[in-house]
């Protein structure tokens, strides 16, 4: 997922758009093209597909910019984005339509680093913590 434009809002916008794309891809049950996605997303998609699982619903997102560093001395500009994602309505289902487990989801800490390269903002790091971390 990439986005263009200046300012700290762009970093949060890029992270939100990338997350929405990831959520949409994880909910699909057919083959998904994941070229260019982060390695973690590719692994999750592969695992869901191999086990015949899919997600249904969507998480509640509210990303906020936690910090920004401007480009300097050959380092690109970066934006740190944090969120407390609510996955209560984003559950995993088996091929037969039953829930994979009886865990209800919940609020979890998510962080991302969005880096500007050549005028394009890209999510370069993405981490998700366990339920109950925020």
Protein backbone atom coordinates (compact mmCIF):
# COMPACT_ATOMS: atom_id res chain seq x y z
CA UNK A 1 0.00 0.00 0.00
CA UNK A 2 1.38 3.39 -0.92
CA UNK A 3 0.11 6.94 -0.82
CA UNK A 4 1.53 10.29 -1.90
CA UNK A 5 1.52 13.75 -0.39
CA UNK A 6 3.23 15.84 2.29
CA UNK A 7 2.68 16.17 6.01
CA UNK A 8 2.08 13.98 9.03
CA UNK A 9 -1.50 13.26 7.99
CA UNK A 10 -0.12 11.34 5.01
CA UNK A 11 1.63 8.88 7.32
CA UNK A 12 -1.56 8.10 9.23
CA UNK A 13 -3.53 7.98 5.99
CA UNK A 14 -1.04 5.52 4.50
CA UNK A 15 -1.18 3.30 7.57
CA UNK A 16 -4.99 3.36 7.64
CA UNK A 17 -5.24 2.56 3.91
CA UNK A 18 -2.68 -0.25 4.19
CA UNK A 19 -4.55 -1.74 7.12
CA UNK A 20 -7.87 -1.57 5.24
CA UNK A 21 -6.25 -3.31 2.24
CA UNK A 22 -4.86 -6.00 4.54
CA UNK A 23 -8.25 -6.52 6.21
CA UNK A 24 -9.94 -6.83 2.83
CA UNK A 25 -7.34 -9.31 1.58
CA UNK A 26 -7.57 -11.43 4.74
CA UNK A 27 -11.35 -11.67 4.35
CA UNK A 28 -11.17 -13.15 0.86
CA UNK A 29 -11.49 -16.88 0.36
CA UNK A 30 -10.18 -16.99 -3.23
CA UNK A 31 -6.60 -16.54 -4.38
CA UNK A 32 -5.23 -13.12 -3.51
CA UNK A 33 -2.43 -11.29 -5.29
CA UNK A 34 -0.09 -10.07 -2.57
CA UNK A 35 2.86 -8.80 -4.62
CA UNK A 36 4.50 -5.92 -2.78
CA UNK A 37 2.70 -6.56 0.53
CA UNK A 38 4.67 -6.92 3.71
CA UNK A 39 6.07 -10.36 4.47
CA UNK A 40 3.83 -10.67 7.52
CA UNK A 41 0.69 -10.11 5.46
CA UNK A 42 1.85 -12.64 2.89
CA UNK A 43 2.38 -15.24 5.62
CA UNK A 44 -1.03 -14.55 7.15
CA UNK A 45 -2.76 -14.83 3.78
CA UNK A 46 -0.94 -18.07 2.99
CA UNK A 47 -1.83 -19.54 6.39
CA UNK A 48 -5.51 -18.61 6.12
CA UNK A 49 -5.70 -20.05 2.61
CA UNK A 50 -3.94 -23.31 3.54
CA UNK A 51 -6.29 -23.87 6.47
CA UNK A 52 -9.41 -22.88 4.52
CA UNK A 53 -10.04 -19.98 6.87
CA UNK A 54 -11.34 -16.48 6.23
CA UNK A 55 -12.08 -13.40 8.26
CA UNK A 56 -15.43 -11.71 8.44
CA UNK A 57 -16.27 -8.20 9.59
CA UNK A 58 -13.72 -5.45 10.05
CA UNK A 59 -11.67 -3.98 12.85
CA UNK A 60 -12.31 -0.48 14.18
CA UNK A 61 -9.35 1.75 13.32
CA UNK A 62 -8.32 5.13 14.73
CA UNK A 63 -4.64 5.67 13.84
CA UNK A 64 -2.81 8.68 15.21
CA UNK A 65 0.61 10.12 14.44
CA UNK A 66 2.89 9.52 17.42
CA UNK A 67 6.00 11.11 15.97
CA UNK A 68 7.72 12.33 12.86
CA UNK A 69 11.32 12.70 11.79
CA UNK A 70 12.19 14.85 8.80
CA UNK A 71 14.56 13.72 6.09
CA UNK A 72 18.17 14.52 7.00
CA UNK A 73 21.66 13.39 6.00
CA UNK A 74 20.47 10.72 3.61
CA UNK A 75 17.74 9.43 5.94
CA UNK A 76 14.19 9.50 4.61
CA UNK A 77 11.34 11.22 6.43
CA UNK A 78 9.36 8.84 8.66
CA UNK A 79 6.10 8.97 10.56
CA UNK A 80 5.35 6.73 13.55
CA UNK A 81 1.68 5.76 13.70
CA UNK A 82 -0.06 4.09 16.66
CA UNK A 83 -3.54 2.70 17.09
CA UNK A 84 -5.61 0.72 19.55
CA UNK A 85 -7.43 -1.51 17.08
CA UNK A 86 -10.68 -3.11 18.19
CA UNK A 87 -10.96 -6.59 16.62
CA UNK A 88 -14.20 -7.53 18.42
CA UNK A 89 -16.13 -7.58 15.12
CA UNK A 90 -13.31 -9.11 13.04
CA UNK A 91 -13.38 -12.88 13.55
CA UNK A 92 -11.87 -15.94 11.85
CA UNK A 93 -14.16 -18.58 10.35
CA UNK A 94 -13.45 -22.11 9.09
CA UNK A 95 -14.46 -23.38 5.67
CA UNK A 96 -17.67 -24.83 7.19
CA UNK A 97 -18.71 -21.36 8.44
CA UNK A 98 -18.03 -22.00 12.13
CA UNK A 99 -15.83 -19.78 14.27
CA UNK A 100 -12.26 -21.09 14.45
CA UNK A 101 -12.09 -20.44 18.20
CA UNK A 102 -14.22 -18.99 20.96
CA UNK A 103 -11.99 -15.96 21.57
CA UNK A 104 -13.99 -12.77 21.02
CA UNK A 105 -11.22 -10.45 19.82
CA UNK A 106 -10.69 -7.15 21.58
CA UNK A 107 -8.46 -4.10 21.74
CA UNK A 108 -4.83 -4.50 20.71
CA UNK A 109 -1.93 -2.13 20.25
CA UNK A 110 -0.76 -1.63 16.66
CA UNK A 111 2.21 0.39 15.48
CA UNK A 112 3.55 1.28 12.05
CA UNK A 113 6.45 3.18 10.58
CA UNK A 114 5.62 4.98 7.35
CA UNK A 115 8.60 6.11 5.27
CA UNK A 116 8.73 8.63 2.43
CA UNK A 117 10.81 7.47 -0.50
CA UNK A 118 10.85 9.46 -3.71
CA UNK A 119 7.69 11.36 -2.78
CA UNK A 120 5.76 8.16 -1.98
CA UNK A 121 4.79 7.16 1.58
CA UNK A 122 5.05 3.41 2.29
CA UNK A 123 4.39 1.32 5.37
CA UNK A 124 7.85 -0.10 6.10
CA UNK A 125 7.28 -1.64 9.56
CA UNK A 126 4.05 -2.95 11.03
CA UNK A 127 3.48 -4.65 14.37
CA UNK A 128 0.36 -6.02 16.08
CA UNK A 129 0.24 -6.92 19.78
CA UNK A 130 -2.06 -9.39 21.54
CA UNK A 131 -5.59 -8.60 22.72
CA UNK A 132 -5.64 -6.56 25.92
CA UNK A 133 -2.56 -4.44 25.21
CA UNK A 134 -4.53 -1.18 25.12
